[in-house]
Structure formats: C-alpha cells, structure tokens
Amino acid sequence: MSIIPIMQFCIDKFGRNPINVLEIGARFGESSKIILKYLNVNTYNIVDPYVSYDDYVNDGFNDIIGNDKDNQIFKTIKRELYEIHDDINFYRTFSNDTKTINKIKDESIDLIFIDGNHSYKYVLEDLENYAPKLKKNGILCGDDFFMRTHENDVLNSG
C-alpha cells in the first residue's frame, strides 16, 4: 500500500495551493513520488534512517538495506526524488530523534504521512511527536494499518 487511497482527498483539500509535507518512513520513495506528482509541494521533509535495525527484524527491507554498505539505495532514492523536486530535506535518522523533531517548526506542515515502523509504540510515538507540527486543518494520515500482528493488536481483536 501507499498514500494512493487518500490522494483524492488530499487533492480536493489542497487543490493547487502550495503545501509543506512531512513523510516518516519513505523507504523506496513510492509515496513520495505520488505526493510530489499530484500535489503542489513547497517543501518536502523525509525522516528515514535507511538502516537495518532489530525492532524491524521481520521486515524484508532490513535484508536489503543491511546489504547496502555503500548506501546505494539511499543515493538512488535521493537522486530520483531530486529529479522531481528540488526542495527536499532528508533527515536520515529515526523519527524519535529530538534534534530532528525540533528542526521542524510546530504548525508548519500541511500533510504528515506516517509510514515508519508499524509497531504500536512507534506509531504512537510518531503521532505524539509530530502532531504539533501539523497546521490547523492539515492532514495527518498513515499507511499499512492492516499489518496486524500479535504485537500490534493492542485491542486483542484477532
């Protein structure tokens, strides 16, 4: 999945007005490319460490990124996105990095797309850390809510 299901809502909401975007967890940039293609983006912010880490050991991306010692995946994604748009800030760190959180001004972002670590505690942390960055009447959305695992099923629904 990606941001595709909510794009029509975003297009209707923002029209051609310039917007500032924050994406947490860009991975291969699929959603980034869609947002940049269909919305009038002023500044695009991406928070993604592009590293393997133990908390996401079951994600196949860990295997890919773990073997990318020369950072070719990140370099390719960065190049591809800069070909589309020139005002992109890459924060190559985990989304709970205090310095990064503080670099993004409160009430400065029109669209926040959360697609980082999908474990409940990290999604909650992203919501708590980045909701203050959202402008009044902005859109805060996410991805992969269907990825229910025992760990993520805090409501014990399954």
N, C-alpha and C. Protein backbone atom coordinates (compact mmCIF):
# COMPACT_ATOMS: atom_id res chain seq x y z
N MET A 1 0.84 -1.19 0.00
CA MET A 1 0.00 0.00 0.00
C MET A 1 0.87 1.24 0.00
N SER A 2 0.24 2.35 -0.19
CA SER A 2 0.93 3.63 -0.21
C SER A 2 -0.08 4.71 0.14
N ILE A 3 0.22 5.89 -0.25
CA ILE A 3 -0.68 7.02 0.02
C ILE A 3 -1.82 7.09 -1.00
N ILE A 4 -1.82 6.24 -1.99
CA ILE A 4 -2.82 6.30 -3.05
C ILE A 4 -4.26 6.41 -2.54
N PRO A 5 -4.67 5.60 -1.54
CA PRO A 5 -6.08 5.68 -1.11
C PRO A 5 -6.53 7.06 -0.61
N ILE A 6 -5.63 7.86 -0.12
CA ILE A 6 -6.04 9.17 0.40
C ILE A 6 -5.71 10.33 -0.54
N MET A 7 -5.11 10.03 -1.68
CA MET A 7 -4.67 11.12 -2.56
C MET A 7 -5.81 11.98 -3.08
N GLN A 8 -6.93 11.39 -3.44
CA GLN A 8 -8.03 12.21 -3.96
C GLN A 8 -8.51 13.19 -2.89
N PHE A 9 -8.57 12.73 -1.65
CA PHE A 9 -8.95 13.63 -0.56
C PHE A 9 -7.94 14.77 -0.44
N CYS A 10 -6.65 14.45 -0.53
CA CYS A 10 -5.60 15.49 -0.45
C CYS A 10 -5.70 16.48 -1.61
N ILE A 11 -5.93 15.97 -2.80
CA ILE A 11 -6.08 16.83 -3.98
C ILE A 11 -7.27 17.76 -3.80
N ASP A 12 -8.40 17.21 -3.36
CA ASP A 12 -9.60 18.02 -3.13
C ASP A 12 -9.36 19.06 -2.03
N LYS A 13 -8.67 18.68 -0.99
CA LYS A 13 -8.43 19.58 0.15
C LYS A 13 -7.48 20.71 -0.19
N PHE A 14 -6.34 20.38 -0.80
CA PHE A 14 -5.30 21.38 -1.03
C PHE A 14 -5.39 22.06 -2.39
N GLY A 15 -6.02 21.42 -3.36
CA GLY A 15 -6.07 21.98 -4.71
C GLY A 15 -4.66 22.23 -5.22
N ARG A 16 -4.43 23.40 -5.75
CA ARG A 16 -3.10 23.76 -6.25
C ARG A 16 -2.36 24.67 -5.27
N ASN A 17 -2.89 24.80 -4.07
CA ASN A 17 -2.20 25.61 -3.06
C ASN A 17 -0.87 24.94 -2.68
N PRO A 18 0.18 25.73 -2.52
CA PRO A 18 1.46 25.13 -2.11
C PRO A 18 1.38 24.61 -0.68
N ILE A 19 1.94 23.43 -0.48
CA ILE A 19 1.90 22.79 0.84
C ILE A 19 3.29 22.31 1.27
N ASN A 20 3.44 22.15 2.57
CA ASN A 20 4.64 21.55 3.15
C ASN A 20 4.26 20.15 3.62
N VAL A 21 5.14 19.19 3.33
CA VAL A 21 4.85 17.78 3.60
C VAL A 21 5.94 17.20 4.49
N LEU A 22 5.52 16.31 5.37
CA LEU A 22 6.44 15.51 6.18
C LEU A 22 6.07 14.05 5.98
N GLU A 23 7.04 13.25 5.58
CA GLU A 23 6.84 11.82 5.42
C GLU A 23 7.79 11.09 6.36
N ILE A 24 7.23 10.27 7.20
CA ILE A 24 8.04 9.46 8.12
C ILE A 24 8.08 8.05 7.55
N GLY A 25 9.26 7.63 7.11
CA GLY A 25 9.43 6.32 6.51
C GLY A 25 9.17 6.34 5.03
N ALA A 26 10.13 6.79 4.25
CA ALA A 26 9.95 6.91 2.79
C ALA A 26 10.37 5.66 2.02
N ARG A 27 11.23 4.87 2.63
CA ARG A 27 11.72 3.63 2.01
C ARG A 27 12.19 3.87 0.58
N PHE A 28 11.51 3.30 -0.42
CA PHE A 28 11.93 3.45 -1.82
C PHE A 28 11.34 4.69 -2.49
N GLY A 29 10.60 5.50 -1.74
CA GLY A 29 10.09 6.75 -2.28
C GLY A 29 8.83 6.63 -3.12
N GLU A 30 8.13 5.51 -3.05
CA GLU A 30 6.93 5.34 -3.86
C GLU A 30 5.87 6.40 -3.52
N SER A 31 5.57 6.55 -2.24
CA SER A 31 4.57 7.53 -1.83
C SER A 31 5.08 8.95 -2.06
N SER A 32 6.36 9.16 -1.84
CA SER A 32 6.95 10.49 -2.07
C SER A 32 6.71 10.92 -3.51
N LYS A 33 6.94 10.02 -4.44
CA LYS A 33 6.77 10.34 -5.87
C LYS A 33 5.32 10.67 -6.19
N ILE A 34 4.39 9.96 -5.60
CA ILE A 34 2.97 10.22 -5.84
C ILE A 34 2.58 11.58 -5.29
N ILE A 35 3.00 11.88 -4.06
CA ILE A 35 2.68 13.17 -3.45
C ILE A 35 3.27 14.30 -4.29
N LEU A 36 4.51 14.15 -4.69
CA LEU A 36 5.18 15.20 -5.47
C LEU A 36 4.56 15.38 -6.85
N LYS A 37 4.01 14.30 -7.40
CA LYS A 37 3.39 14.38 -8.72
C LYS A 37 2.03 15.07 -8.68
N TYR A 38 1.24 14.80 -7.65
CA TYR A 38 -0.16 15.24 -7.66
C TYR A 38 -0.46 16.46 -6.79
N LEU A 39 0.46 16.83 -5.93
CA LEU A 39 0.21 17.99 -5.07
C LEU A 39 1.25 19.08 -5.37
N ASN A 40 0.90 20.30 -5.07
CA ASN A 40 1.81 21.43 -5.28
C ASN A 40 2.66 21.58 -4.02
N VAL A 41 3.76 20.86 -3.99
CA VAL A 41 4.59 20.80 -2.79
C VAL A 41 5.60 21.94 -2.77
N ASN A 42 5.62 22.64 -1.67
CA ASN A 42 6.61 23.67 -1.44
C ASN A 42 7.87 23.01 -0.89
N THR A 43 7.80 22.52 0.34
CA THR A 43 8.92 21.83 0.98
C THR A 43 8.49 20.42 1.36
N TYR A 44 9.37 19.46 1.09
CA TYR A 44 9.12 18.06 1.40
C TYR A 44 10.17 17.60 2.40
N ASN A 45 9.72 17.06 3.51
CA ASN A 45 10.61 16.57 4.56
C ASN A 45 10.46 15.06 4.68
N ILE A 46 11.59 14.36 4.69
CA ILE A 46 11.58 12.90 4.83
C ILE A 46 12.42 12.53 6.04
N VAL A 47 11.83 11.74 6.94
CA VAL A 47 12.54 11.20 8.10
C VAL A 47 12.62 9.69 7.92
N ASP A 48 13.82 9.19 7.69
CA ASP A 48 14.03 7.76 7.49
C ASP A 48 15.51 7.48 7.70
N PRO A 49 15.85 6.51 8.56
CA PRO A 49 17.27 6.25 8.81
C PRO A 49 17.97 5.49 7.69
N TYR A 50 17.22 4.76 6.88
CA TYR A 50 17.80 3.91 5.83
C TYR A 50 18.87 2.98 6.38
N VAL A 51 18.55 2.34 7.50
CA VAL A 51 19.45 1.35 8.11
C VAL A 51 18.61 0.17 8.58
N SER A 52 19.27 -0.97 8.75
CA SER A 52 18.63 -2.13 9.39
C SER A 52 18.59 -1.89 10.88
N TYR A 53 17.57 -2.43 11.53
CA TYR A 53 17.54 -2.33 12.98
C TYR A 53 16.70 -3.45 13.56
N ASP A 54 17.06 -3.82 14.77
CA ASP A 54 16.48 -5.00 15.41
C ASP A 54 14.97 -4.93 15.59
N ASP A 55 14.43 -3.75 15.84
CA ASP A 55 13.00 -3.63 16.08
C ASP A 55 12.16 -3.93 14.84
N TYR A 56 12.79 -4.02 13.69
CA TYR A 56 12.06 -4.30 12.46
C TYR A 56 12.64 -5.52 11.76
N VAL A 57 13.10 -6.47 12.56
CA VAL A 57 13.82 -7.63 12.05
C VAL A 57 13.00 -8.46 11.06
N ASN A 58 11.69 -8.47 11.17
CA ASN A 58 10.85 -9.28 10.28
C ASN A 58 10.49 -8.58 8.98
N ASP A 59 10.97 -7.39 8.78
CA ASP A 59 10.70 -6.64 7.56
C ASP A 59 11.76 -6.99 6.52
N GLY A 60 11.36 -7.38 5.35
CA GLY A 60 12.30 -7.74 4.29
C GLY A 60 13.24 -6.61 3.90
N PHE A 61 12.83 -5.38 4.17
CA PHE A 61 13.69 -4.23 3.84
C PHE A 61 14.97 -4.27 4.65
N ASN A 62 14.92 -4.83 5.85
CA ASN A 62 16.12 -4.96 6.68
C ASN A 62 17.20 -5.75 5.93
N ASP A 63 16.81 -6.82 5.24
CA ASP A 63 17.77 -7.62 4.49
C ASP A 63 18.39 -6.82 3.35
N ILE A 64 17.55 -6.08 2.65
CA ILE A 64 18.04 -5.29 1.52
C ILE A 64 18.98 -4.18 1.99
N ILE A 65 18.53 -3.40 2.95
CA ILE A 65 19.31 -2.25 3.42
C ILE A 65 20.55 -2.71 4.17
N GLY A 66 20.46 -3.85 4.84
CA GLY A 66 21.60 -4.37 5.59
C GLY A 66 22.76 -4.76 4.69
N ASN A 67 22.46 -5.10 3.44
CA ASN A 67 23.49 -5.46 2.48
C ASN A 67 23.96 -4.27 1.64
N ASP A 68 23.43 -3.12 1.90
CA ASP A 68 23.74 -1.92 1.10
C ASP A 68 24.82 -1.09 1.79
N LYS A 69 26.00 -1.63 1.87
CA LYS A 69 27.09 -0.99 2.63
C LYS A 69 27.52 0.36 2.04
N ASP A 70 27.33 0.56 0.74
CA ASP A 70 27.74 1.83 0.13
C ASP A 70 26.59 2.82 -0.01
N ASN A 71 25.46 2.51 0.65
CA ASN A 71 24.31 3.42 0.67
C ASN A 71 23.73 3.70 -0.71
N GLN A 72 23.85 2.75 -1.62
CA GLN A 72 23.37 2.96 -2.98
C GLN A 72 21.85 3.15 -3.03
N ILE A 73 21.13 2.44 -2.18
CA ILE A 73 19.66 2.58 -2.17
C ILE A 73 19.28 4.01 -1.80
N PHE A 74 19.87 4.53 -0.73
CA PHE A 74 19.56 5.90 -0.33
C PHE A 74 19.97 6.89 -1.42
N LYS A 75 21.14 6.72 -1.99
CA LYS A 75 21.62 7.63 -3.04
C LYS A 75 20.68 7.62 -4.24
N THR A 76 20.20 6.44 -4.61
CA THR A 76 19.29 6.32 -5.76
C THR A 76 17.96 7.01 -5.46
N ILE A 77 17.41 6.76 -4.29
CA ILE A 77 16.14 7.38 -3.92
C ILE A 77 16.28 8.90 -3.87
N LYS A 78 17.35 9.36 -3.28
CA LYS A 78 17.59 10.80 -3.18
C LYS A 78 17.69 11.43 -4.58
N ARG A 79 18.44 10.79 -5.46
CA ARG A 79 18.58 11.30 -6.83
C ARG A 79 17.23 11.32 -7.55
N GLU A 80 16.48 10.22 -7.45
CA GLU A 80 15.18 10.15 -8.12
C GLU A 80 14.23 11.23 -7.62
N LEU A 81 14.21 11.47 -6.32
CA LEU A 81 13.30 12.48 -5.77
C LEU A 81 13.74 13.89 -6.13
N TYR A 82 15.05 14.14 -6.13
CA TYR A 82 15.54 15.47 -6.52
C TYR A 82 15.28 15.75 -8.00
N GLU A 83 15.15 14.72 -8.82
CA GLU A 83 14.79 14.92 -10.23
C GLU A 83 13.35 15.43 -10.36
N ILE A 84 12.53 15.14 -9.35
CA ILE A 84 11.13 15.56 -9.37
C ILE A 84 10.96 16.92 -8.68
N HIS A 85 11.70 17.14 -7.60
CA HIS A 85 11.51 18.33 -6.77
C HIS A 85 12.84 18.71 -6.12
N ASP A 86 13.11 19.99 -6.03
CA ASP A 86 14.43 20.39 -5.51
C ASP A 86 14.44 20.85 -4.06
N ASP A 87 13.29 20.97 -3.42
CA ASP A 87 13.27 21.41 -2.02
C ASP A 87 12.85 20.23 -1.13
N ILE A 88 13.78 19.31 -0.94
CA ILE A 88 13.54 18.13 -0.11
C ILE A 88 14.59 18.11 0.99
N ASN A 89 14.12 17.97 2.22
CA ASN A 89 15.01 17.82 3.37
C ASN A 89 15.00 16.37 3.79
N PHE A 90 16.16 15.73 3.72
CA PHE A 90 16.30 14.36 4.18
C PHE A 90 16.87 14.38 5.59
N TYR A 91 16.13 13.80 6.53
CA TYR A 91 16.60 13.62 7.90
C TYR A 91 16.87 12.13 8.03
N ARG A 92 18.11 11.78 7.89
CA ARG A 92 18.48 10.35 7.88
C ARG A 92 18.73 9.88 9.31
N THR A 93 17.62 9.71 10.00
CA THR A 93 17.66 9.32 11.40
C THR A 93 16.33 8.67 11.76
N PHE A 94 16.23 8.15 12.97
CA PHE A 94 14.97 7.61 13.44
C PHE A 94 14.03 8.76 13.78
N SER A 95 12.75 8.52 13.64
CA SER A 95 11.77 9.60 13.80
C SER A 95 11.67 10.12 15.23
N ASN A 96 12.21 9.40 16.20
CA ASN A 96 12.15 9.90 17.58
C ASN A 96 13.40 10.72 17.95
N ASP A 97 14.22 11.05 16.98
CA ASP A 97 15.40 11.86 17.21
C ASP A 97 14.99 13.28 17.59
N THR A 98 15.31 13.70 18.78
CA THR A 98 14.88 15.00 19.31
C THR A 98 15.37 16.16 18.45
N LYS A 99 16.59 16.10 17.96
CA LYS A 99 17.13 17.18 17.11
C LYS A 99 16.28 17.35 15.85
N THR A 100 15.91 16.23 15.25
CA THR A 100 15.09 16.29 14.04
C THR A 100 13.70 16.83 14.35
N ILE A 101 13.11 16.34 15.40
CA ILE A 101 11.77 16.82 15.80
C ILE A 101 11.82 18.33 16.01
N ASN A 102 12.85 18.82 16.68
CA ASN A 102 12.95 20.25 16.96
C ASN A 102 13.27 21.09 15.73
N LYS A 103 13.84 20.50 14.69
CA LYS A 103 14.15 21.24 13.46
C LYS A 103 12.89 21.58 12.68
N ILE A 104 11.84 20.80 12.88
CA ILE A 104 10.59 21.03 12.15
C ILE A 104 9.69 21.88 13.03
N LYS A 105 9.40 23.05 12.55
CA LYS A 105 8.64 24.03 13.31
C LYS A 105 7.21 23.55 13.56
N ASP A 106 6.71 23.81 14.76
CA ASP A 106 5.32 23.50 15.09
C ASP A 106 4.39 24.25 14.14
N GLU A 107 3.28 23.61 13.80
CA GLU A 107 2.24 24.17 12.94
C GLU A 107 2.78 24.67 11.60
N SER A 108 3.72 23.92 11.02
CA SER A 108 4.33 24.31 9.74
C SER A 108 4.05 23.32 8.61
N ILE A 109 3.42 22.19 8.92
CA ILE A 109 3.25 21.13 7.94
C ILE A 109 1.76 20.96 7.60
N ASP A 110 1.47 20.89 6.30
CA ASP A 110 0.09 20.71 5.84
C ASP A 110 -0.32 19.25 5.76
N LEU A 111 0.65 18.38 5.42
CA LEU A 111 0.36 16.96 5.26
C LEU A 111 1.47 16.16 5.92
N ILE A 112 1.08 15.31 6.87
CA ILE A 112 2.01 14.38 7.51
C ILE A 112 1.57 12.97 7.14
N PHE A 113 2.50 12.21 6.56
CA PHE A 113 2.24 10.83 6.17
C PHE A 113 3.16 9.93 6.99
N ILE A 114 2.58 9.15 7.89
CA ILE A 114 3.35 8.28 8.77
C ILE A 114 3.37 6.87 8.20
N ASP A 115 4.57 6.42 7.86
CA ASP A 115 4.75 5.10 7.28
C ASP A 115 6.10 4.52 7.71
N GLY A 116 6.46 4.77 8.97
CA GLY A 116 7.71 4.26 9.51
C GLY A 116 7.52 2.90 10.12
N ASN A 117 8.14 2.68 11.24
CA ASN A 117 7.98 1.41 11.95
C ASN A 117 6.51 1.27 12.35
N HIS A 118 5.92 0.13 12.04
CA HIS A 118 4.47 -0.05 12.21
C HIS A 118 4.09 -0.62 13.57
N SER A 119 5.05 -0.84 14.43
CA SER A 119 4.73 -1.32 15.77
C SER A 119 3.97 -0.23 16.52
N TYR A 120 3.02 -0.65 17.30
CA TYR A 120 2.13 0.28 18.00
C TYR A 120 2.89 1.38 18.73
N LYS A 121 3.90 1.00 19.51
CA LYS A 121 4.60 2.01 20.32
C LYS A 121 5.28 3.06 19.45
N TYR A 122 5.77 2.69 18.26
CA TYR A 122 6.44 3.65 17.40
C TYR A 122 5.43 4.54 16.66
N VAL A 123 4.32 3.97 16.24
CA VAL A 123 3.29 4.78 15.60
C VAL A 123 2.75 5.80 16.59
N LEU A 124 2.48 5.36 17.80
CA LEU A 124 2.00 6.28 18.84
C LEU A 124 3.03 7.38 19.10
N GLU A 125 4.28 6.99 19.18
CA GLU A 125 5.35 7.97 19.40
C GLU A 125 5.41 8.98 18.24
N ASP A 126 5.28 8.51 17.00
CA ASP A 126 5.27 9.42 15.85
C ASP A 126 4.09 10.38 15.92
N LEU A 127 2.93 9.86 16.29
CA LEU A 127 1.75 10.72 16.42
C LEU A 127 1.97 11.79 17.49
N GLU A 128 2.49 11.38 18.63
CA GLU A 128 2.73 12.34 19.72
C GLU A 128 3.81 13.36 19.36
N ASN A 129 4.87 12.92 18.70
CA ASN A 129 5.98 13.82 18.37
C ASN A 129 5.68 14.77 17.23
N TYR A 130 4.89 14.33 16.26
CA TYR A 130 4.72 15.14 15.05
C TYR A 130 3.37 15.81 14.91
N ALA A 131 2.36 15.42 15.68
CA ALA A 131 1.07 16.11 15.60
C ALA A 131 1.19 17.62 15.84
N PRO A 132 2.06 18.07 16.74
CA PRO A 132 2.21 19.52 16.92
C PRO A 132 2.78 20.23 15.69
N LYS A 133 3.36 19.51 14.77
CA LYS A 133 3.94 20.10 13.55
C LYS A 133 2.87 20.42 12.52
N LEU A 134 1.69 19.84 12.69
CA LEU A 134 0.61 19.97 11.73
C LEU A 134 -0.08 21.33 11.85
N LYS A 135 -0.30 21.96 10.70
CA LYS A 135 -1.07 23.20 10.67
C LYS A 135 -2.53 22.89 11.01
N LYS A 136 -3.23 23.90 11.50
CA LYS A 136 -4.66 23.76 11.73
C LYS A 136 -5.31 23.38 10.40
N ASN A 137 -6.18 22.40 10.44
CA ASN A 137 -6.87 21.87 9.26
C ASN A 137 -5.96 21.11 8.30
N GLY A 138 -4.77 20.73 8.77
CA GLY A 138 -3.89 19.90 7.95
C GLY A 138 -4.36 18.46 7.98
N ILE A 139 -3.65 17.61 7.27
CA ILE A 139 -3.99 16.19 7.19
C ILE A 139 -2.86 15.38 7.80
N LEU A 140 -3.22 14.51 8.74
CA LEU A 140 -2.29 13.56 9.31
C LEU A 140 -2.83 12.18 8.95
N CYS A 141 -2.05 11.42 8.20
CA CYS A 141 -2.51 10.10 7.76
C CYS A 141 -1.37 9.10 7.85
N GLY A 142 -1.70 7.86 7.62
CA GLY A 142 -0.69 6.81 7.71
C GLY A 142 -0.97 5.69 6.75
N ASP A 143 -0.19 4.65 6.89
CA ASP A 143 -0.23 3.55 5.94
C ASP A 143 -0.09 2.22 6.68
N ASP A 144 -0.52 1.17 6.03
CA ASP A 144 -0.33 -0.19 6.48
C ASP A 144 -1.01 -0.51 7.80
N PHE A 145 -2.17 0.07 8.05
CA PHE A 145 -2.92 -0.24 9.27
C PHE A 145 -3.37 -1.69 9.28
N PHE A 146 -3.36 -2.32 8.12
CA PHE A 146 -3.81 -3.70 8.02
C PHE A 146 -2.75 -4.71 8.45
N MET A 147 -1.56 -4.24 8.75
CA MET A 147 -0.47 -5.15 9.09
C MET A 147 -0.59 -5.60 10.54
N ARG A 148 -1.66 -6.31 10.84
CA ARG A 148 -1.94 -6.71 12.21
C ARG A 148 -1.11 -7.94 12.57
N THR A 149 -0.33 -7.78 13.58
CA THR A 149 0.39 -8.90 14.16
C THR A 149 -0.02 -8.96 15.62
N HIS A 150 0.34 -10.02 16.28
CA HIS A 150 0.01 -10.13 17.71
C HIS A 150 0.57 -8.93 18.47
N GLU A 151 1.78 -8.52 18.14
CA GLU A 151 2.41 -7.38 18.82
C GLU A 151 1.64 -6.08 18.59
N ASN A 152 1.13 -5.89 17.37
CA ASN A 152 0.43 -4.65 17.04
C ASN A 152 -1.03 -4.65 17.47
N ASP A 153 -1.59 -5.81 17.78
CA ASP A 153 -3.01 -5.93 18.08
C ASP A 153 -3.27 -5.60 19.56
N VAL A 154 -3.11 -4.35 19.90
CA VAL A 154 -3.26 -3.94 21.30
C VAL A 154 -4.72 -4.01 21.76
N LEU A 155 -5.65 -4.09 20.83
CA LEU A 155 -7.07 -4.19 21.20
C LEU A 155 -7.50 -5.66 21.33
N ASN A 156 -6.57 -6.57 21.10
CA ASN A 156 -6.86 -8.01 21.18
C ASN A 156 -8.06 -8.40 20.34
N SER A 157 -8.08 -7.91 19.11
CA SER A 157 -9.23 -8.12 18.25
C SER A 157 -9.14 -9.37 17.38
N GLY A 158 -8.01 -10.02 17.39
CA GLY A 158 -7.91 -11.12 16.44
C GLY A 158 -7.42 -12.35 17.02
